[in-house]
Amino acid sequence: MTNVVALTGRLTRNPELKYTQSGAAVATFTLAVDRNYLNVQGKRETDFINCVIWKKAAENLANYINKGSLVGVNGSVQTRSYDDKDGKRVYVTEVNVDNVTFLDTKKDSPAANGGAYSTSNTGSGSITPTSANESNAANHGANTAATNPFPDSGGPIDISDDDLPF
């Protein structure tokens, strides 16, 4: 049996971070995900999918992502139930997130996270670069400084739009 979910969408609100009685962090958020097809009126519909993420990854998400941010999530669908205050059984279906990838660039993101980064419930929950160039730089450290035409600059680059290939 397989229960795998992969979604790309925008957060409809800031993540809500809470802690369990045992001290484990848990964040809930809702993703707005466009459907791949148009409806009868020729418009694209959107699904609003509830998600939950745990531990250090939940804290990272709450610290670096805001409403409107574009993210990719991997996880599984889970259904739980509880009795509300009136004694009525309530069923909740949500995505239990294992991995989040922050997809906005710094200028596009309300969180201004500086690029595409991932946070995961596996391992330390640290944020790691996901682009090939950033991963290469992270893995090669000092070796990239010799090939980097803008070492330790950090400031704006003075380049003409005519010099750009796009």
C-alpha atoms as a PDB file:
ATOM      1  CA  MET A   1       0.000   0.000   0.000  1.00  0.00           C
ATOM      2  CA  THR A   2       1.124   3.522  -0.748  1.00  0.00           C
ATOM      3  CA  ASN A   3       0.138   6.821   0.832  1.00  0.00           C
ATOM      4  CA  VAL A   4       2.241   9.588  -0.748  1.00  0.00           C
ATOM      5  CA  VAL A   5       1.288  13.212  -1.363  1.00  0.00           C
ATOM      6  CA  ALA A   6       3.244  15.869  -3.267  1.00  0.00           C
ATOM      7  CA  LEU A   7       1.746  19.370  -3.490  1.00  0.00           C
ATOM      8  CA  THR A   8       2.850  22.807  -4.616  1.00  0.00           C
ATOM      9  CA  GLY A   9       0.836  25.793  -3.491  1.00  0.00           C
ATOM     10  CA  ARG A  10       0.695  29.041  -1.574  1.00  0.00           C
ATOM     11  CA  LEU A  11       0.014  29.427   2.139  1.00  0.00           C
ATOM     12  CA  THR A  12      -3.396  30.974   2.806  1.00  0.00           C
ATOM     13  CA  ARG A  13      -2.291  32.271   6.211  1.00  0.00           C
ATOM     14  CA  ASN A  14       0.785  32.304   8.420  1.00  0.00           C
ATOM     15  CA  PRO A  15       1.597  28.885   9.931  1.00  0.00           C
ATOM     16  CA  GLU A  16       0.183  28.377  13.414  1.00  0.00           C
ATOM     17  CA  LEU A  17       2.913  27.018  15.705  1.00  0.00           C
ATOM     18  CA  LYS A  18       1.985  25.253  18.951  1.00  0.00           C
ATOM     19  CA  TYR A  19       3.683  22.878  21.356  1.00  0.00           C
ATOM     20  CA  THR A  20       2.318  19.621  22.751  1.00  0.00           C
ATOM     21  CA  GLN A  21       2.331  18.919  26.486  1.00  0.00           C
ATOM     22  CA  SER A  22       5.529  16.935  25.969  1.00  0.00           C
ATOM     23  CA  GLY A  23       7.169  19.936  24.250  1.00  0.00           C
ATOM     24  CA  ALA A  24       7.030  18.782  20.613  1.00  0.00           C
ATOM     25  CA  ALA A  25       6.490  21.592  18.112  1.00  0.00           C
ATOM     26  CA  VAL A  26       3.575  21.268  15.679  1.00  0.00           C
ATOM     27  CA  ALA A  27       2.568  23.744  12.988  1.00  0.00           C
ATOM     28  CA  THR A  28      -0.633  23.772  10.972  1.00  0.00           C
ATOM     29  CA  PHE A  29      -1.170  25.614   7.710  1.00  0.00           C
ATOM     30  CA  THR A  30      -3.406  25.567   4.656  1.00  0.00           C
ATOM     31  CA  LEU A  31      -2.144  25.367   1.084  1.00  0.00           C
ATOM     32  CA  ALA A  32      -4.061  26.809  -1.856  1.00  0.00           C
ATOM     33  CA  VAL A  33      -3.419  24.446  -4.776  1.00  0.00           C
ATOM     34  CA  ASP A  34      -4.754  25.152  -8.273  1.00  0.00           C
ATOM     35  CA  ARG A  35      -6.329  22.263 -10.165  1.00  0.00           C
ATOM     36  CA  ASN A  36      -4.750  21.188 -13.458  1.00  0.00           C
ATOM     37  CA  TYR A  37      -7.916  21.702 -15.496  1.00  0.00           C
ATOM     38  CA  LEU A  38     -10.506  24.394 -16.152  1.00  0.00           C
ATOM     39  CA  ASN A  39     -14.125  24.158 -14.990  1.00  0.00           C
ATOM     40  CA  VAL A  40     -17.191  24.554 -17.231  1.00  0.00           C
ATOM     41  CA  GLN A  41     -16.904  28.364 -17.017  1.00  0.00           C
ATOM     42  CA  GLY A  42     -13.277  28.180 -18.240  1.00  0.00           C
ATOM     43  CA  LYS A  43     -11.799  29.067 -14.860  1.00  0.00           C
ATOM     44  CA  ARG A  44      -9.226  27.199 -12.804  1.00  0.00           C
ATOM     45  CA  GLU A  45     -10.517  26.081  -9.402  1.00  0.00           C
ATOM     46  CA  THR A  46      -8.430  25.968  -6.241  1.00  0.00           C
ATOM     47  CA  ASP A  47      -8.378  23.384  -3.457  1.00  0.00           C
ATOM     48  CA  PHE A  48      -7.522  24.423   0.102  1.00  0.00           C
ATOM     49  CA  ILE A  49      -5.616  21.611   1.761  1.00  0.00           C
ATOM     50  CA  ASN A  50      -4.951  21.459   5.504  1.00  0.00           C
ATOM     51  CA  CYS A  51      -1.422  20.411   6.460  1.00  0.00           C
ATOM     52  CA  VAL A  52       0.416  19.609   9.686  1.00  0.00           C
ATOM     53  CA  ILE A  53       4.189  19.424  10.279  1.00  0.00           C
ATOM     54  CA  TRP A  54       6.098  18.421  13.412  1.00  0.00           C
ATOM     55  CA  LYS A  55       9.255  19.069  15.449  1.00  0.00           C
ATOM     56  CA  LYS A  56      12.138  21.257  14.218  1.00  0.00           C
ATOM     57  CA  ALA A  57      10.687  21.396  10.693  1.00  0.00           C
ATOM     58  CA  ALA A  58       7.546  22.991  12.182  1.00  0.00           C
ATOM     59  CA  GLU A  59       9.623  25.654  13.915  1.00  0.00           C
ATOM     60  CA  ASN A  60      11.585  26.356  10.725  1.00  0.00           C
ATOM     61  CA  LEU A  61       8.389  26.680   8.721  1.00  0.00           C
ATOM     62  CA  ALA A  62       6.866  29.080  11.248  1.00  0.00           C
ATOM     63  CA  ASN A  63      10.046  31.187  11.356  1.00  0.00           C
ATOM     64  CA  TYR A  64      10.733  31.477   7.631  1.00  0.00           C
ATOM     65  CA  ILE A  65       7.429  31.202   5.757  1.00  0.00           C
ATOM     66  CA  ASN A  66       4.483  33.605   5.686  1.00  0.00           C
ATOM     67  CA  LYS A  67       1.058  33.915   4.107  1.00  0.00           C
ATOM     68  CA  GLY A  68       1.350  33.879   0.315  1.00  0.00           C
ATOM     69  CA  SER A  69       4.660  31.986   0.215  1.00  0.00           C
ATOM     70  CA  LEU A  70       5.035  29.337  -2.473  1.00  0.00           C
ATOM     71  CA  VAL A  71       6.031  25.949  -1.045  1.00  0.00           C
ATOM     72  CA  GLY A  72       6.233  22.339  -2.088  1.00  0.00           C
ATOM     73  CA  VAL A  73       5.295  19.660   0.435  1.00  0.00           C
ATOM     74  CA  ASN A  74       5.754  15.899   0.549  1.00  0.00           C
ATOM     75  CA  GLY A  75       3.948  13.719   3.036  1.00  0.00           C
ATOM     76  CA  SER A  76       0.966  11.441   3.484  1.00  0.00           C
ATOM     77  CA  VAL A  77      -2.784  11.816   3.918  1.00  0.00           C
ATOM     78  CA  GLN A  78      -4.119  11.089   7.368  1.00  0.00           C
ATOM     79  CA  THR A  79      -7.621  11.094   8.787  1.00  0.00           C
ATOM     80  CA  ARG A  80      -8.350  11.505  12.479  1.00  0.00           C
ATOM     81  CA  SER A  81     -11.499  12.022  14.470  1.00  0.00           C
ATOM     82  CA  TYR A  82     -12.575  13.507  17.765  1.00  0.00           C
ATOM     83  CA  ASP A  83     -15.800  14.290  19.633  1.00  0.00           C
ATOM     84  CA  ASP A  84     -16.682  17.985  19.709  1.00  0.00           C
ATOM     85  CA  LYS A  85     -18.208  19.798  22.701  1.00  0.00           C
ATOM     86  CA  ASP A  86     -21.706  18.647  21.625  1.00  0.00           C
ATOM     87  CA  GLY A  87     -20.592  15.007  21.533  1.00  0.00           C
ATOM     88  CA  LYS A  88     -20.711  14.857  17.735  1.00  0.00           C
ATOM     89  CA  ARG A  89     -17.949  12.915  15.946  1.00  0.00           C
ATOM     90  CA  VAL A  90     -15.781  15.226  13.780  1.00  0.00           C
ATOM     91  CA  TYR A  91     -13.485  13.827  11.078  1.00  0.00           C
ATOM     92  CA  VAL A  92     -10.405  15.731   9.931  1.00  0.00           C
ATOM     93  CA  THR A  93      -8.407  14.873   6.806  1.00  0.00           C
ATOM     94  CA  GLU A  94      -5.026  16.548   6.406  1.00  0.00           C
ATOM     95  CA  VAL A  95      -1.576  16.072   4.926  1.00  0.00           C
ATOM     96  CA  ASN A  96       1.027  14.961   7.456  1.00  0.00           C
ATOM     97  CA  VAL A  97       4.053  16.770   6.001  1.00  0.00           C
ATOM     98  CA  ASP A  98       7.458  15.095   5.991  1.00  0.00           C
ATOM     99  CA  ASN A  99       9.332  17.661   3.903  1.00  0.00           C
ATOM    100  CA  VAL A 100       8.756  21.283   2.883  1.00  0.00           C
ATOM    101  CA  THR A 101      10.616  23.091   0.119  1.00  0.00           C
ATOM    102  CA  PHE A 102      10.512  26.887   0.168  1.00  0.00           C
ATOM    103  CA  LEU A 103      10.099  27.841  -3.501  1.00  0.00           C
ATOM    104  CA  ASP A 104       9.969  31.649  -3.491  1.00  0.00           C
ATOM    105  CA  THR A 105      12.975  33.787  -4.299  1.00  0.00           C
ATOM    106  CA  LYS A 106      13.945  36.520  -1.879  1.00  0.00           C
ATOM    107  CA  LYS A 107      12.258  39.293  -3.876  1.00  0.00           C
ATOM    108  CA  ASP A 108       9.083  37.244  -4.494  1.00  0.00           C
ATOM    109  CA  SER A 109       8.617  35.855  -1.013  1.00  0.00           C
ATOM    110  CA  PRO A 110       6.759  37.586   1.782  1.00  0.00           C
ATOM    111  CA  ALA A 111       9.128  35.648   4.045  1.00  0.00           C
ATOM    112  CA  ALA A 112      12.176  36.907   2.096  1.00  0.00           C
ATOM    113  CA  ASN A 113      13.867  33.553   2.566  1.00  0.00           C
ATOM    114  CA  GLY A 114      16.505  34.072  -0.108  1.00  0.00           C
ATOM    115  CA  GLY A 115      15.776  31.166  -2.453  1.00  0.00           C
ATOM    116  CA  ALA A 116      14.558  27.624  -2.519  1.00  0.00           C
ATOM    117  CA  TYR A 117      15.276  25.790   0.711  1.00  0.00           C
ATOM    118  CA  SER A 118      13.991  22.625   2.338  1.00  0.00           C
ATOM    119  CA  THR A 119      13.154  21.647   5.853  1.00  0.00           C
ATOM    120  CA  SER A 120      12.369  18.095   6.847  1.00  0.00           C
ATOM    121  CA  ASN A 121      11.028  16.059   9.731  1.00  0.00           C
ATOM    122  CA  THR A 122      13.778  13.510   9.135  1.00  0.00           C
ATOM    123  CA  GLY A 123      17.168  14.202  10.649  1.00  0.00           C
ATOM    124  CA  SER A 124      17.869  17.527  12.283  1.00  0.00           C
ATOM    125  CA  GLY A 125      15.153  19.570  10.596  1.00  0.00           C
ATOM    126  CA  SER A 126      17.799  21.984   9.374  1.00  0.00           C
ATOM    127  CA  ILE A 127      17.217  24.203   6.382  1.00  0.00           C
ATOM    128  CA  THR A 128      19.296  23.161   3.379  1.00  0.00           C
ATOM    129  CA  PRO A 129      19.715  24.695  -0.081  1.00  0.00           C
ATOM    130  CA  THR A 130      17.901  22.904  -2.892  1.00  0.00           C
ATOM    131  CA  SER A 131      19.277  24.543  -6.007  1.00  0.00           C
ATOM    132  CA  ALA A 132      22.252  22.879  -7.698  1.00  0.00           C
ATOM    133  CA  ASN A 133      24.480  25.936  -7.379  1.00  0.00           C
ATOM    134  CA  GLU A 134      23.727  26.459  -3.694  1.00  0.00           C
ATOM    135  CA  SER A 135      24.182  22.744  -2.928  1.00  0.00           C
ATOM    136  CA  ASN A 136      27.462  22.740  -4.829  1.00  0.00           C
ATOM    137  CA  ALA A 137      28.678  25.774  -2.904  1.00  0.00           C
ATOM    138  CA  ALA A 138      27.632  24.228   0.386  1.00  0.00           C
ATOM    139  CA  ASN A 139      29.423  20.956  -0.406  1.00  0.00           C
ATOM    140  CA  HIS A 140      32.666  22.454  -1.766  1.00  0.00           C
ATOM    141  CA  GLY A 141      33.133  25.367   0.625  1.00  0.00           C
ATOM    142  CA  ALA A 142      36.475  27.071  -0.040  1.00  0.00           C
ATOM    143  CA  ASN A 143      36.878  25.470  -3.472  1.00  0.00           C
ATOM    144  CA  THR A 144      34.047  27.603  -4.858  1.00  0.00           C
ATOM    145  CA  ALA A 145      35.657  30.844  -3.674  1.00  0.00           C
ATOM    146  CA  ALA A 146      38.351  30.508  -6.353  1.00  0.00           C
ATOM    147  CA  THR A 147      35.765  30.092  -9.132  1.00  0.00           C
ATOM    148  CA  ASN A 148      33.232  32.595  -7.791  1.00  0.00           C
ATOM    149  CA  PRO A 149      33.492  35.842  -9.796  1.00  0.00           C
ATOM    150  CA  PHE A 150      31.838  37.763  -6.929  1.00  0.00           C
ATOM    151  CA  PRO A 151      33.467  36.361  -3.777  1.00  0.00           C
ATOM    152  CA  ASP A 152      32.246  37.696  -0.438  1.00  0.00           C
ATOM    153  CA  SER A 153      30.554  40.612  -2.150  1.00  0.00           C
ATOM    154  CA  GLY A 154      27.051  40.284  -0.749  1.00  0.00           C
ATOM    155  CA  GLY A 155      26.161  43.651  -2.284  1.00  0.00           C
ATOM    156  CA  PRO A 156      24.327  44.543  -5.460  1.00  0.00           C
ATOM    157  CA  ILE A 157      25.945  43.691  -8.778  1.00  0.00           C
ATOM    158  CA  ASP A 158      26.238  46.452 -11.361  1.00  0.00           C
ATOM    159  CA  ILE A 159      25.237  44.714 -14.597  1.00  0.00           C
ATOM    160  CA  SER A 160      23.369  45.983 -17.627  1.00  0.00           C
ATOM    161  CA  ASP A 161      20.091  44.370 -18.700  1.00  0.00           C
ATOM    162  CA  ASP A 162      21.666  43.998 -22.147  1.00  0.00           C
ATOM    163  CA  ASP A 163      24.242  41.603 -20.684  1.00  0.00           C
ATOM    164  CA  LEU A 164      21.616  39.203 -19.325  1.00  0.00           C
ATOM    165  CA  PRO A 165      20.716  36.137 -21.424  1.00  0.00           C
ATOM    166  CA  PHE A 166      17.006  36.371 -20.629  1.00  0.00           C
END
